[in-house]
Amino acid sequence: MTETDEKDVHTEHCCAEHGCKYGDPDCPVVNDIKLQSYPCERCDEDARDDEKQGEAIYRAVYQHQGGKWEANESREVWSETAKRYRRFLREIERREK
């Protein structure tokens, strides 16, 4: 990736993970030419969802064994698992288009 300091509508509004807000196939953020300035709104929503989905995955795996989310010391691991799972699903969706 070639990072430039020059900001534009893409660096301010587009997301490397969620795509170009304007549908531009030449978007410099999506094409790894420029870095986005900050997480997009959907990234913020995903971050909140990561913990909820991580908790759901944890409970699905361990609750039958008596595992309690409140006592779990590896919440970040489960949130990261949820994030990887969501990226995997997005990649499958992109391939199917």
C-alpha atoms as a PDB file:
ATOM      1  CA  MET A   1       0.000   0.000   0.000  1.00  0.00           C
ATOM      2  CA  THR A   2       1.226   3.439  -0.854  1.00  0.00           C
ATOM      3  CA  GLU A   3       0.122   5.795   1.854  1.00  0.00           C
ATOM      4  CA  THR A   4      -0.199   9.446   0.955  1.00  0.00           C
ATOM      5  CA  ASP A   5      -1.047  12.277   3.295  1.00  0.00           C
ATOM      6  CA  GLU A   6      -3.425  13.797   0.784  1.00  0.00           C
ATOM      7  CA  LYS A   7      -6.999  13.491   2.000  1.00  0.00           C
ATOM      8  CA  ASP A   8     -10.017  13.387  -0.270  1.00  0.00           C
ATOM      9  CA  VAL A   9     -13.643  12.276  -0.185  1.00  0.00           C
ATOM     10  CA  HIS A  10     -12.566   8.630  -0.346  1.00  0.00           C
ATOM     11  CA  THR A  11     -10.148   8.782   2.607  1.00  0.00           C
ATOM     12  CA  GLU A  12     -12.810  10.568   4.646  1.00  0.00           C
ATOM     13  CA  HIS A  13     -15.859   8.460   3.717  1.00  0.00           C
ATOM     14  CA  CYS A  14     -14.827   5.076   2.285  1.00  0.00           C
ATOM     15  CA  CYS A  15     -13.722   1.914   4.024  1.00  0.00           C
ATOM     16  CA  ALA A  16     -11.170  -0.692   3.018  1.00  0.00           C
ATOM     17  CA  GLU A  17     -13.348  -3.430   4.489  1.00  0.00           C
ATOM     18  CA  HIS A  18     -16.855  -2.187   3.700  1.00  0.00           C
ATOM     19  CA  GLY A  19     -16.184  -0.578   0.337  1.00  0.00           C
ATOM     20  CA  CYS A  20     -16.467   2.715  -1.457  1.00  0.00           C
ATOM     21  CA  LYS A  21     -19.313   4.915  -0.312  1.00  0.00           C
ATOM     22  CA  TYR A  22     -19.633   6.169  -3.892  1.00  0.00           C
ATOM     23  CA  GLY A  23     -19.433   2.837  -5.702  1.00  0.00           C
ATOM     24  CA  ASP A  24     -16.236   3.907  -7.464  1.00  0.00           C
ATOM     25  CA  PRO A  25     -14.288   0.846  -8.713  1.00  0.00           C
ATOM     26  CA  ASP A  26     -11.118   2.997  -8.686  1.00  0.00           C
ATOM     27  CA  CYS A  27     -11.546   4.049  -5.051  1.00  0.00           C
ATOM     28  CA  PRO A  28      -8.029   4.578  -3.632  1.00  0.00           C
ATOM     29  CA  VAL A  29      -9.057   3.278  -0.205  1.00  0.00           C
ATOM     30  CA  VAL A  30     -10.584   0.042  -1.479  1.00  0.00           C
ATOM     31  CA  ASN A  31      -7.651  -0.462  -3.855  1.00  0.00           C
ATOM     32  CA  ASP A  32      -5.074   0.010  -1.046  1.00  0.00           C
ATOM     33  CA  ILE A  33      -3.601   3.191  -2.489  1.00  0.00           C
ATOM     34  CA  LYS A  34      -4.624   5.405   0.433  1.00  0.00           C
ATOM     35  CA  LEU A  35      -5.567   4.734   4.033  1.00  0.00           C
ATOM     36  CA  GLN A  36      -8.972   5.689   5.305  1.00  0.00           C
ATOM     37  CA  SER A  37      -8.816   8.438   7.919  1.00  0.00           C
ATOM     38  CA  TYR A  38     -10.935   6.687  10.553  1.00  0.00           C
ATOM     39  CA  PRO A  39     -13.343   3.743  10.896  1.00  0.00           C
ATOM     40  CA  CYS A  40     -16.555   4.093   8.932  1.00  0.00           C
ATOM     41  CA  GLU A  41     -19.980   4.001  10.586  1.00  0.00           C
ATOM     42  CA  ARG A  42     -20.359   0.342   9.697  1.00  0.00           C
ATOM     43  CA  CYS A  43     -16.967  -0.454  11.293  1.00  0.00           C
ATOM     44  CA  ASP A  44     -18.225   1.162  14.510  1.00  0.00           C
ATOM     45  CA  GLU A  45     -21.408  -0.921  14.341  1.00  0.00           C
ATOM     46  CA  ASP A  46     -19.376  -4.057  13.632  1.00  0.00           C
ATOM     47  CA  ALA A  47     -17.143  -3.388  16.648  1.00  0.00           C
ATOM     48  CA  ARG A  48     -20.219  -3.270  18.896  1.00  0.00           C
ATOM     49  CA  ASP A  49     -21.574  -6.382  17.200  1.00  0.00           C
ATOM     50  CA  ASP A  50     -18.263  -8.235  17.618  1.00  0.00           C
ATOM     51  CA  GLU A  51     -18.666  -8.464  21.372  1.00  0.00           C
ATOM     52  CA  LYS A  52     -22.307  -9.546  21.109  1.00  0.00           C
ATOM     53  CA  GLN A  53     -21.507 -12.136  18.438  1.00  0.00           C
ATOM     54  CA  GLY A  54     -18.413 -13.279  20.327  1.00  0.00           C
ATOM     55  CA  GLU A  55     -20.575 -13.848  23.381  1.00  0.00           C
ATOM     56  CA  ALA A  56     -23.099 -15.800  21.299  1.00  0.00           C
ATOM     57  CA  ILE A  57     -20.336 -18.029  19.868  1.00  0.00           C
ATOM     58  CA  TYR A  58     -18.883 -18.591  23.350  1.00  0.00           C
ATOM     59  CA  ARG A  59     -22.290 -19.519  24.784  1.00  0.00           C
ATOM     60  CA  ALA A  60     -23.010 -21.864  21.870  1.00  0.00           C
ATOM     61  CA  VAL A  61     -19.725 -23.676  22.472  1.00  0.00           C
ATOM     62  CA  TYR A  62     -19.478 -23.700  26.271  1.00  0.00           C
ATOM     63  CA  GLN A  63     -22.801 -22.962  27.951  1.00  0.00           C
ATOM     64  CA  HIS A  64     -23.860 -26.617  27.962  1.00  0.00           C
ATOM     65  CA  GLN A  65     -20.718 -27.290  30.005  1.00  0.00           C
ATOM     66  CA  GLY A  66     -21.607 -24.586  32.500  1.00  0.00           C
ATOM     67  CA  GLY A  67     -19.363 -21.901  31.003  1.00  0.00           C
ATOM     68  CA  LYS A  68     -20.349 -18.394  32.028  1.00  0.00           C
ATOM     69  CA  TRP A  69     -19.627 -15.419  29.808  1.00  0.00           C
ATOM     70  CA  GLU A  70     -19.298 -13.184  32.845  1.00  0.00           C
ATOM     71  CA  ALA A  71     -16.401 -15.324  34.148  1.00  0.00           C
ATOM     72  CA  ASN A  72     -14.749 -15.634  30.745  1.00  0.00           C
ATOM     73  CA  GLU A  73     -11.319 -13.970  30.648  1.00  0.00           C
ATOM     74  CA  SER A  74     -10.854 -14.321  26.877  1.00  0.00           C
ATOM     75  CA  ARG A  75     -13.632 -12.058  25.587  1.00  0.00           C
ATOM     76  CA  GLU A  76     -11.291 -10.412  23.078  1.00  0.00           C
ATOM     77  CA  VAL A  77     -10.537 -13.809  21.532  1.00  0.00           C
ATOM     78  CA  TRP A  78     -14.243 -14.450  20.999  1.00  0.00           C
ATOM     79  CA  SER A  79     -14.795 -10.953  19.590  1.00  0.00           C
ATOM     80  CA  GLU A  80     -11.929 -11.537  17.138  1.00  0.00           C
ATOM     81  CA  THR A  81     -13.471 -14.898  16.225  1.00  0.00           C
ATOM     82  CA  ALA A  82     -16.743 -13.119  15.427  1.00  0.00           C
ATOM     83  CA  LYS A  83     -14.864 -10.566  13.299  1.00  0.00           C
ATOM     84  CA  ARG A  84     -13.050 -13.290  11.329  1.00  0.00           C
ATOM     85  CA  TYR A  85     -16.322 -15.170  10.835  1.00  0.00           C
ATOM     86  CA  ARG A  86     -18.035 -12.036   9.482  1.00  0.00           C
ATOM     87  CA  ARG A  87     -15.121 -11.368   7.081  1.00  0.00           C
ATOM     88  CA  PHE A  88     -15.314 -14.957   5.885  1.00  0.00           C
ATOM     89  CA  LEU A  89     -19.036 -14.576   5.182  1.00  0.00           C
ATOM     90  CA  ARG A  90     -18.457 -11.311   3.303  1.00  0.00           C
ATOM     91  CA  GLU A  91     -15.798 -12.956   1.153  1.00  0.00           C
ATOM     92  CA  ILE A  92     -18.213 -15.762   0.269  1.00  0.00           C
ATOM     93  CA  GLU A  93     -20.852 -13.169  -0.659  1.00  0.00           C
ATOM     94  CA  ARG A  94     -18.368 -11.303  -2.889  1.00  0.00           C
ATOM     95  CA  ARG A  95     -17.374 -14.503  -4.684  1.00  0.00           C
ATOM     96  CA  GLU A  96     -21.013 -15.385  -5.355  1.00  0.00           C
ATOM     97  CA  LYS A  97     -21.702 -12.046  -7.082  1.00  0.00           C
END
